[in-house]
Amino acid sequence: MFLSTKYGGELPSYLRKNKYANPTDKDDTPWKYGMRTDKHYFEWLGVPGNEMQAEAFHNHMRFKTWGLRWHAMPDLMSAVFGDMEPSAEDVLIVDVGGSSGHDLVGFRSAHPDMPGRLILQDLSHAIEASNREELGSHSIEAIAHDFFIPEPIAGAKVYYLKMVLHDWPDKQCKEILANIKTAMRPGYSRILLNEIIIPDANARWYETGVDMIMLTCHSAHERREKAWRSLIEDVGGLQVNKIWEVAGAIEKVIEIELAQSCDARQAE
């Protein structure tokens, strides 16, 4: 899907042109160079005529998770949602950049009696292409939103991002997190990043393969734990509370709180 011959063959030329430096600019990617386009990949998916490619991308997102889902882990669920206010009007999860809403569908199917609203956010072309009947049957609200502007849903229990930040260089990741931070309720809200964390040694083919895809398509990369922690702390006001292992899954869950919430809990 990503490494098509139409642009994949241009990677050596792109690297030579840039003296083999790792690409780090979202507006200067091997993908844009090879495709002869000025649009970022996610913008390009919304261009009329690219519906088949957009459908392939969303199907890829729907089916790519391996192993146990994070919401099937009792310890994680208790730690994150244990103090959830039992109200159907409160927002339980905002799935930021959630594609077709498949993760929220899975969550609601696993926890049908858990109170709270589930909100899917993505660009307008992704929301328009989503299965509204399926979302509606699981009481999922779909809202078009660009995560490079401030998060409009304030005070949600969880802001969930499934393999979103690995699509972006550090500068844009910090912008996305900062925009969510402004909406969080101190001592209550969490950000959950469901992401690959590359081990410091003996990385496997999957992590390294996805790392190359991120490089060629987005001028981004997969990150080690130290890089994730540094990225999050550099936002200012955010802090990693815990990194959760999800048995059998490639991705881990990085639980983030407002820094003052962590400080207050440690002082108790």
C-alpha atoms as a PDB file:
ATOM      1  CA  MET A   1       0.000   0.000   0.000  1.00  0.00           C
ATOM      2  CA  PHE A   2       2.714   2.496   1.002  1.00  0.00           C
ATOM      3  CA  LEU A   3       5.797   1.231  -0.807  1.00  0.00           C
ATOM      4  CA  SER A   4       4.375   1.199  -4.317  1.00  0.00           C
ATOM      5  CA  THR A   5       6.767   0.946  -7.250  1.00  0.00           C
ATOM      6  CA  LYS A   6       5.462   4.318  -8.414  1.00  0.00           C
ATOM      7  CA  TYR A   7       7.517   6.081  -5.767  1.00  0.00           C
ATOM      8  CA  GLY A   8       9.494   3.376  -3.972  1.00  0.00           C
ATOM      9  CA  GLY A   9      11.948   3.262  -6.858  1.00  0.00           C
ATOM     10  CA  GLU A  10      12.696   6.957  -6.320  1.00  0.00           C
ATOM     11  CA  LEU A  11      14.031   6.449  -2.790  1.00  0.00           C
ATOM     12  CA  PRO A  12      17.719   6.089  -3.814  1.00  0.00           C
ATOM     13  CA  SER A  13      17.451   9.275  -5.876  1.00  0.00           C
ATOM     14  CA  TYR A  14      15.800  11.137  -2.989  1.00  0.00           C
ATOM     15  CA  LEU A  15      18.486  10.008  -0.552  1.00  0.00           C
ATOM     16  CA  ARG A  16      21.306  10.991  -2.887  1.00  0.00           C
ATOM     17  CA  LYS A  17      19.729  14.412  -3.367  1.00  0.00           C
ATOM     18  CA  ASN A  18      19.669  14.910   0.415  1.00  0.00           C
ATOM     19  CA  LYS A  19      23.152  13.482   1.055  1.00  0.00           C
ATOM     20  CA  TYR A  20      21.636  10.436   2.792  1.00  0.00           C
ATOM     21  CA  ALA A  21      20.373  12.387   5.784  1.00  0.00           C
ATOM     22  CA  ASN A  22      17.321  10.986   7.567  1.00  0.00           C
ATOM     23  CA  PRO A  23      14.260  12.947   6.399  1.00  0.00           C
ATOM     24  CA  THR A  24      12.595  14.883   9.222  1.00  0.00           C
ATOM     25  CA  ASP A  25      10.399  17.404   7.377  1.00  0.00           C
ATOM     26  CA  LYS A  26       6.756  16.432   6.848  1.00  0.00           C
ATOM     27  CA  ASP A  27       6.703  18.586   3.709  1.00  0.00           C
ATOM     28  CA  ASP A  28       9.785  16.970   2.217  1.00  0.00           C
ATOM     29  CA  THR A  29       9.196  13.220   2.078  1.00  0.00           C
ATOM     30  CA  PRO A  30      10.401  10.465  -0.264  1.00  0.00           C
ATOM     31  CA  TRP A  31       6.742   9.729  -0.975  1.00  0.00           C
ATOM     32  CA  LYS A  32       5.985  13.273  -2.160  1.00  0.00           C
ATOM     33  CA  TYR A  33       9.196  13.305  -4.181  1.00  0.00           C
ATOM     34  CA  GLY A  34       8.400  10.032  -5.923  1.00  0.00           C
ATOM     35  CA  MET A  35       4.717  10.799  -6.474  1.00  0.00           C
ATOM     36  CA  ARG A  36       5.458  14.308  -7.821  1.00  0.00           C
ATOM     37  CA  THR A  37       2.855  15.834  -5.535  1.00  0.00           C
ATOM     38  CA  ASP A  38       2.800  18.777  -3.149  1.00  0.00           C
ATOM     39  CA  LYS A  39       0.226  17.098  -0.907  1.00  0.00           C
ATOM     40  CA  HIS A  40       0.970  15.229   2.287  1.00  0.00           C
ATOM     41  CA  TYR A  41      -0.072  11.578   2.168  1.00  0.00           C
ATOM     42  CA  PHE A  42      -3.171  12.100   4.326  1.00  0.00           C
ATOM     43  CA  GLU A  43      -4.252  15.089   2.242  1.00  0.00           C
ATOM     44  CA  TRP A  44      -3.681  13.045  -0.930  1.00  0.00           C
ATOM     45  CA  LEU A  45      -6.024  10.315   0.336  1.00  0.00           C
ATOM     46  CA  GLY A  46      -8.866  12.851   0.323  1.00  0.00           C
ATOM     47  CA  VAL A  47      -8.342  13.947  -3.286  1.00  0.00           C
ATOM     48  CA  PRO A  48     -11.155  12.829  -5.635  1.00  0.00           C
ATOM     49  CA  GLY A  49      -9.982   9.845  -7.623  1.00  0.00           C
ATOM     50  CA  ASN A  50      -8.015   8.345  -4.731  1.00  0.00           C
ATOM     51  CA  GLU A  51     -10.974   6.673  -3.042  1.00  0.00           C
ATOM     52  CA  MET A  52      -9.617   3.174  -3.643  1.00  0.00           C
ATOM     53  CA  GLN A  53      -6.305   4.058  -1.985  1.00  0.00           C
ATOM     54  CA  ALA A  54      -8.152   5.660   0.938  1.00  0.00           C
ATOM     55  CA  GLU A  55     -10.296   2.559   1.381  1.00  0.00           C
ATOM     56  CA  ALA A  56      -7.167   0.373   1.345  1.00  0.00           C
ATOM     57  CA  PHE A  57      -5.573   2.555   4.020  1.00  0.00           C
ATOM     58  CA  HIS A  58      -8.600   2.411   6.337  1.00  0.00           C
ATOM     59  CA  ASN A  59      -8.890  -1.354   5.859  1.00  0.00           C
ATOM     60  CA  HIS A  60      -5.218  -1.633   6.750  1.00  0.00           C
ATOM     61  CA  MET A  61      -5.813   0.317   9.951  1.00  0.00           C
ATOM     62  CA  ARG A  62      -8.805  -1.842  10.812  1.00  0.00           C
ATOM     63  CA  PHE A  63      -6.983  -5.165  10.587  1.00  0.00           C
ATOM     64  CA  LYS A  64      -3.356  -4.515  11.471  1.00  0.00           C
ATOM     65  CA  THR A  65      -3.465  -5.000  15.260  1.00  0.00           C
ATOM     66  CA  TRP A  66      -1.997  -8.304  16.426  1.00  0.00           C
ATOM     67  CA  GLY A  67      -2.592 -10.061  19.730  1.00  0.00           C
ATOM     68  CA  LEU A  68      -4.538  -8.861  22.745  1.00  0.00           C
ATOM     69  CA  ARG A  69      -6.384  -5.555  22.539  1.00  0.00           C
ATOM     70  CA  TRP A  70      -5.505  -3.018  25.212  1.00  0.00           C
ATOM     71  CA  HIS A  71      -9.079  -2.798  26.449  1.00  0.00           C
ATOM     72  CA  ALA A  72      -9.035  -6.542  27.224  1.00  0.00           C
ATOM     73  CA  MET A  73      -6.461  -5.986  29.996  1.00  0.00           C
ATOM     74  CA  PRO A  74      -8.226  -5.748  33.396  1.00  0.00           C
ATOM     75  CA  ASP A  75      -5.287  -4.066  35.160  1.00  0.00           C
ATOM     76  CA  LEU A  76      -4.988  -1.355  32.519  1.00  0.00           C
ATOM     77  CA  MET A  77      -8.748  -0.795  32.416  1.00  0.00           C
ATOM     78  CA  SER A  78      -8.914  -0.490  36.201  1.00  0.00           C
ATOM     79  CA  ALA A  79      -5.959   1.895  36.383  1.00  0.00           C
ATOM     80  CA  VAL A  80      -7.231   4.182  33.632  1.00  0.00           C
ATOM     81  CA  PHE A  81     -11.006   4.057  34.098  1.00  0.00           C
ATOM     82  CA  GLY A  82     -11.292   3.133  37.792  1.00  0.00           C
ATOM     83  CA  ASP A  83     -12.233   6.663  38.819  1.00  0.00           C
ATOM     84  CA  MET A  84     -14.554   7.237  35.860  1.00  0.00           C
ATOM     85  CA  GLU A  85     -17.635   9.232  36.793  1.00  0.00           C
ATOM     86  CA  PRO A  86     -20.658   6.948  36.152  1.00  0.00           C
ATOM     87  CA  SER A  87     -22.524   9.215  33.776  1.00  0.00           C
ATOM     88  CA  ALA A  88     -23.741   8.535  30.260  1.00  0.00           C
ATOM     89  CA  GLU A  89     -23.217  12.225  29.451  1.00  0.00           C
ATOM     90  CA  ASP A  90     -19.500  12.281  30.206  1.00  0.00           C
ATOM     91  CA  VAL A  91     -17.045  11.572  27.407  1.00  0.00           C
ATOM     92  CA  LEU A  92     -15.343   8.244  27.978  1.00  0.00           C
ATOM     93  CA  ILE A  93     -12.981   8.139  24.980  1.00  0.00           C
ATOM     94  CA  VAL A  94     -12.047  10.474  22.154  1.00  0.00           C
ATOM     95  CA  ASP A  95     -10.359   8.409  19.424  1.00  0.00           C
ATOM     96  CA  VAL A  96      -8.073  11.038  17.868  1.00  0.00           C
ATOM     97  CA  GLY A  97      -7.247  10.276  14.241  1.00  0.00           C
ATOM     98  CA  GLY A  98      -9.258   7.089  14.617  1.00  0.00           C
ATOM     99  CA  SER A  99      -9.804   6.286  10.925  1.00  0.00           C
ATOM    100  CA  SER A 100     -13.025   4.255  10.532  1.00  0.00           C
ATOM    101  CA  GLY A 101     -13.647   3.941  14.281  1.00  0.00           C
ATOM    102  CA  HIS A 102     -12.715   0.259  14.468  1.00  0.00           C
ATOM    103  CA  ASP A 103     -10.993   0.611  17.850  1.00  0.00           C
ATOM    104  CA  LEU A 104     -14.056   2.243  19.391  1.00  0.00           C
ATOM    105  CA  VAL A 105     -16.279  -0.463  17.914  1.00  0.00           C
ATOM    106  CA  GLY A 106     -14.039  -3.069  19.541  1.00  0.00           C
ATOM    107  CA  PHE A 107     -14.083  -1.202  22.853  1.00  0.00           C
ATOM    108  CA  ARG A 108     -17.872  -0.891  22.916  1.00  0.00           C
ATOM    109  CA  SER A 109     -18.291  -4.543  21.949  1.00  0.00           C
ATOM    110  CA  ALA A 110     -16.016  -5.577  24.826  1.00  0.00           C
ATOM    111  CA  HIS A 111     -17.623  -3.196  27.358  1.00  0.00           C
ATOM    112  CA  PRO A 112     -21.246  -2.650  26.270  1.00  0.00           C
ATOM    113  CA  ASP A 113     -22.447  -1.547  29.720  1.00  0.00           C
ATOM    114  CA  MET A 114     -19.696   0.965  30.449  1.00  0.00           C
ATOM    115  CA  PRO A 115     -21.240   4.458  30.642  1.00  0.00           C
ATOM    116  CA  GLY A 116     -19.910   7.404  28.714  1.00  0.00           C
ATOM    117  CA  ARG A 117     -19.765   8.783  25.193  1.00  0.00           C
ATOM    118  CA  LEU A 118     -17.381   7.473  22.543  1.00  0.00           C
ATOM    119  CA  ILE A 119     -16.265  10.054  19.987  1.00  0.00           C
ATOM    120  CA  LEU A 120     -14.399   9.349  16.758  1.00  0.00           C
ATOM    121  CA  GLN A 121     -12.303  12.144  15.244  1.00  0.00           C
ATOM    122  CA  ASP A 122     -10.522  12.240  11.903  1.00  0.00           C
ATOM    123  CA  LEU A 123     -10.275  14.366   8.776  1.00  0.00           C
ATOM    124  CA  SER A 124     -13.551  14.985   6.954  1.00  0.00           C
ATOM    125  CA  HIS A 125     -12.843  12.564   4.094  1.00  0.00           C
ATOM    126  CA  ALA A 126     -12.193   9.742   6.594  1.00  0.00           C
ATOM    127  CA  ILE A 127     -15.373  10.515   8.541  1.00  0.00           C
ATOM    128  CA  GLU A 128     -17.410  10.654   5.341  1.00  0.00           C
ATOM    129  CA  ALA A 129     -16.059   7.247   4.288  1.00  0.00           C
ATOM    130  CA  SER A 130     -16.786   5.594   7.654  1.00  0.00           C
ATOM    131  CA  ASN A 131     -19.638   3.135   8.130  1.00  0.00           C
ATOM    132  CA  ARG A 132     -22.155   5.370   9.880  1.00  0.00           C
ATOM    133  CA  GLU A 133     -24.584   2.504  10.415  1.00  0.00           C
ATOM    134  CA  GLU A 134     -21.934   0.481  12.248  1.00  0.00           C
ATOM    135  CA  LEU A 135     -20.851   3.468  14.313  1.00  0.00           C
ATOM    136  CA  GLY A 136     -24.429   4.316  15.168  1.00  0.00           C
ATOM    137  CA  SER A 137     -25.194   0.774  16.269  1.00  0.00           C
ATOM    138  CA  HIS A 138     -22.401   1.122  18.829  1.00  0.00           C
ATOM    139  CA  SER A 139     -23.454   4.662  19.870  1.00  0.00           C
ATOM    140  CA  ILE A 140     -20.246   6.169  18.494  1.00  0.00           C
ATOM    141  CA  GLU A 141     -20.297   9.841  17.513  1.00  0.00           C
ATOM    142  CA  ALA A 142     -18.202  10.824  14.484  1.00  0.00           C
ATOM    143  CA  ILE A 143     -16.749  14.349  14.248  1.00  0.00           C
ATOM    144  CA  ALA A 144     -14.460  15.819  11.592  1.00  0.00           C
ATOM    145  CA  HIS A 145     -11.418  17.310  13.306  1.00  0.00           C
ATOM    146  CA  ASP A 146      -7.859  18.239  12.387  1.00  0.00           C
ATOM    147  CA  PHE A 147      -5.574  17.434  15.315  1.00  0.00           C
ATOM    148  CA  PHE A 148      -3.293  20.339  14.385  1.00  0.00           C
ATOM    149  CA  ILE A 149      -5.857  22.674  15.931  1.00  0.00           C
ATOM    150  CA  PRO A 150      -6.862  22.614  19.620  1.00  0.00           C
ATOM    151  CA  GLU A 151      -8.932  19.634  20.771  1.00  0.00           C
ATOM    152  CA  PRO A 152     -12.602  20.726  20.981  1.00  0.00           C
ATOM    153  CA  ILE A 153     -13.799  18.001  23.388  1.00  0.00           C
ATOM    154  CA  ALA A 154     -12.811  19.102  26.883  1.00  0.00           C
ATOM    155  CA  GLY A 155     -12.574  16.897  29.950  1.00  0.00           C
ATOM    156  CA  ALA A 156     -12.727  13.455  28.335  1.00  0.00           C
ATOM    157  CA  LYS A 157     -11.525  10.564  30.423  1.00  0.00           C
ATOM    158  CA  VAL A 158      -9.227   9.275  27.653  1.00  0.00           C
ATOM    159  CA  TYR A 159      -7.786  10.743  24.473  1.00  0.00           C
ATOM    160  CA  TYR A 160      -6.704   7.673  22.523  1.00  0.00           C
ATOM    161  CA  LEU A 161      -4.283   7.690  19.583  1.00  0.00           C
ATOM    162  CA  LYS A 162      -3.601   4.405  17.821  1.00  0.00           C
ATOM    163  CA  MET A 163      -0.364   4.570  15.810  1.00  0.00           C
ATOM    164  CA  VAL A 164      -0.939   8.232  14.976  1.00  0.00           C
ATOM    165  CA  LEU A 165       2.239   9.872  16.208  1.00  0.00           C
ATOM    166  CA  HIS A 166       4.518   7.448  14.395  1.00  0.00           C
ATOM    167  CA  ASP A 167       3.239   9.063  11.183  1.00  0.00           C
ATOM    168  CA  TRP A 168       4.774  12.418  12.105  1.00  0.00           C
ATOM    169  CA  PRO A 169       8.176  13.955  12.850  1.00  0.00           C
ATOM    170  CA  ASP A 170       8.829  15.175  16.397  1.00  0.00           C
ATOM    171  CA  LYS A 171       7.744  18.770  15.712  1.00  0.00           C
ATOM    172  CA  GLN A 172       4.251  17.750  14.609  1.00  0.00           C
ATOM    173  CA  CYS A 173       3.933  15.149  17.390  1.00  0.00           C
ATOM    174  CA  LYS A 174       4.504  17.864  19.962  1.00  0.00           C
ATOM    175  CA  GLU A 175       1.869  20.059  18.296  1.00  0.00           C
ATOM    176  CA  ILE A 176      -0.680  17.231  18.388  1.00  0.00           C
ATOM    177  CA  LEU A 177      -0.019  16.467  22.054  1.00  0.00           C
ATOM    178  CA  ALA A 178      -0.057  20.146  23.006  1.00  0.00           C
ATOM    179  CA  ASN A 179      -3.466  20.580  21.369  1.00  0.00           C
ATOM    180  CA  ILE A 180      -4.849  17.669  23.378  1.00  0.00           C
ATOM    181  CA  LYS A 181      -3.229  18.879  26.595  1.00  0.00           C
ATOM    182  CA  THR A 182      -5.330  22.051  26.544  1.00  0.00           C
ATOM    183  CA  ALA A 183      -8.520  19.939  26.738  1.00  0.00           C
ATOM    184  CA  MET A 184      -7.467  17.617  29.580  1.00  0.00           C
ATOM    185  CA  ARG A 185      -8.950  17.792  33.066  1.00  0.00           C
ATOM    186  CA  PRO A 186      -6.210  17.763  35.745  1.00  0.00           C
ATOM    187  CA  GLY A 187      -6.148  14.624  37.869  1.00  0.00           C
ATOM    188  CA  TYR A 188      -8.691  12.916  35.634  1.00  0.00           C
ATOM    189  CA  SER A 189      -7.939  12.853  31.903  1.00  0.00           C
ATOM    190  CA  ARG A 190      -5.378  10.574  30.289  1.00  0.00           C
ATOM    191  CA  ILE A 191      -3.751  10.330  26.875  1.00  0.00           C
ATOM    192  CA  LEU A 192      -3.226   6.747  25.723  1.00  0.00           C
ATOM    193  CA  LEU A 193      -0.750   6.246  22.894  1.00  0.00           C
ATOM    194  CA  ASN A 194      -0.991   2.773  21.344  1.00  0.00           C
ATOM    195  CA  GLU A 195       2.374   2.658  19.590  1.00  0.00           C
ATOM    196  CA  ILE A 196       5.360   0.538  18.675  1.00  0.00           C
ATOM    197  CA  ILE A 197       8.331   0.964  21.023  1.00  0.00           C
ATOM    198  CA  ILE A 198      11.500  -0.291  19.378  1.00  0.00           C
ATOM    199  CA  PRO A 199      13.728  -2.214  21.811  1.00  0.00           C
ATOM    200  CA  ASP A 200      17.256  -0.945  22.348  1.00  0.00           C
ATOM    201  CA  ALA A 201      18.630  -4.232  20.999  1.00  0.00           C
ATOM    202  CA  ASN A 202      17.385  -7.135  18.864  1.00  0.00           C
ATOM    203  CA  ALA A 203      14.569  -5.255  17.156  1.00  0.00           C
ATOM    204  CA  ARG A 204      12.375  -7.537  15.061  1.00  0.00           C
ATOM    205  CA  TRP A 205      11.473  -7.363  11.389  1.00  0.00           C
ATOM    206  CA  TYR A 206       8.047  -5.840  12.040  1.00  0.00           C
ATOM    207  CA  GLU A 207       9.259  -2.824  14.011  1.00  0.00           C
ATOM    208  CA  THR A 208      12.131  -2.137  11.622  1.00  0.00           C
ATOM    209  CA  GLY A 209       9.942  -2.673   8.564  1.00  0.00           C
ATOM    210  CA  VAL A 210       7.343  -0.191   9.792  1.00  0.00           C
ATOM    211  CA  ASP A 211      10.167   2.197  10.653  1.00  0.00           C
ATOM    212  CA  MET A 212      11.224   2.193   6.993  1.00  0.00           C
ATOM    213  CA  ILE A 213       7.649   2.756   5.865  1.00  0.00           C
ATOM    214  CA  MET A 214       7.362   5.779   8.158  1.00  0.00           C
ATOM    215  CA  LEU A 215      10.650   7.145   6.807  1.00  0.00           C
ATOM    216  CA  THR A 216       9.692   6.822   3.157  1.00  0.00           C
ATOM    217  CA  CYS A 217       6.089   7.920   3.439  1.00  0.00           C
ATOM    218  CA  HIS A 218       6.094  10.553   6.192  1.00  0.00           C
ATOM    219  CA  SER A 219       9.721  11.516   7.001  1.00  0.00           C
ATOM    220  CA  ALA A 220       8.919  10.048  10.406  1.00  0.00           C
ATOM    221  CA  HIS A 221      10.143   7.025  12.369  1.00  0.00           C
ATOM    222  CA  GLU A 222       9.431   4.495  15.082  1.00  0.00           C
ATOM    223  CA  ARG A 223      10.835   5.384  18.501  1.00  0.00           C
ATOM    224  CA  ARG A 224      12.643   3.754  21.397  1.00  0.00           C
ATOM    225  CA  GLU A 225      11.292   4.231  24.921  1.00  0.00           C
ATOM    226  CA  LYS A 226      13.812   6.968  25.710  1.00  0.00           C
ATOM    227  CA  ALA A 227      12.732   8.892  22.601  1.00  0.00           C
ATOM    228  CA  TRP A 228       9.045   8.571  23.497  1.00  0.00           C
ATOM    229  CA  ARG A 229       9.643   9.850  27.025  1.00  0.00           C
ATOM    230  CA  SER A 230      11.742  12.760  25.785  1.00  0.00           C
ATOM    231  CA  LEU A 231       9.153  13.693  23.154  1.00  0.00           C
ATOM    232  CA  ILE A 232       6.303  13.712  25.672  1.00  0.00           C
ATOM    233  CA  GLU A 233       8.197  15.646  28.335  1.00  0.00           C
ATOM    234  CA  ASP A 234       9.349  18.213  25.759  1.00  0.00           C
ATOM    235  CA  VAL A 235       5.713  19.220  25.220  1.00  0.00           C
ATOM    236  CA  GLY A 236       5.710  20.755  28.691  1.00  0.00           C
ATOM    237  CA  GLY A 237       3.072  19.853  31.266  1.00  0.00           C
ATOM    238  CA  LEU A 238       2.801  16.200  30.233  1.00  0.00           C
ATOM    239  CA  GLN A 239       4.395  13.203  31.863  1.00  0.00           C
ATOM    240  CA  VAL A 240       4.441   9.453  31.262  1.00  0.00           C
ATOM    241  CA  ASN A 241       2.618   7.679  34.068  1.00  0.00           C
ATOM    242  CA  LYS A 242       3.201   4.111  32.871  1.00  0.00           C
ATOM    243  CA  ILE A 243       4.066   2.099  29.788  1.00  0.00           C
ATOM    244  CA  TRP A 244       1.836  -0.966  29.565  1.00  0.00           C
ATOM    245  CA  GLU A 245       2.874  -4.216  27.941  1.00  0.00           C
ATOM    246  CA  VAL A 246      -0.011  -5.742  25.970  1.00  0.00           C
ATOM    247  CA  ALA A 247       0.547  -9.496  25.854  1.00  0.00           C
ATOM    248  CA  GLY A 248       0.991 -10.809  22.329  1.00  0.00           C
ATOM    249  CA  ALA A 249       0.678  -7.368  20.727  1.00  0.00           C
ATOM    250  CA  ILE A 250       3.442  -5.506  18.910  1.00  0.00           C
ATOM    251  CA  GLU A 251       2.238  -2.163  20.221  1.00  0.00           C
ATOM    252  CA  LYS A 252       2.414  -0.985  23.835  1.00  0.00           C
ATOM    253  CA  VAL A 253       0.218   1.572  25.596  1.00  0.00           C
ATOM    254  CA  ILE A 254       1.886   4.750  26.839  1.00  0.00           C
ATOM    255  CA  GLU A 255      -0.279   6.281  29.563  1.00  0.00           C
ATOM    256  CA  ILE A 256       0.179  10.055  29.886  1.00  0.00           C
ATOM    257  CA  GLU A 257      -1.137  12.496  32.478  1.00  0.00           C
ATOM    258  CA  LEU A 258      -0.825  16.198  33.071  1.00  0.00           C
ATOM    259  CA  ALA A 259       2.420  16.655  34.961  1.00  0.00           C
ATOM    260  CA  GLN A 260       0.809  18.366  37.924  1.00  0.00           C
ATOM    261  CA  SER A 261      -1.497  15.353  38.310  1.00  0.00           C
ATOM    262  CA  CYS A 262       1.511  13.059  38.626  1.00  0.00           C
ATOM    263  CA  ASP A 263       3.198  15.430  41.088  1.00  0.00           C
ATOM    264  CA  ALA A 264       0.073  15.635  43.255  1.00  0.00           C
ATOM    265  CA  ARG A 265      -0.303  11.860  43.393  1.00  0.00           C
ATOM    266  CA  GLN A 266       3.353  11.371  44.367  1.00  0.00           C
ATOM    267  CA  ALA A 267       2.931  13.871  47.205  1.00  0.00           C
ATOM    268  CA  GLU A 268       0.019  11.947  48.750  1.00  0.00           C
END
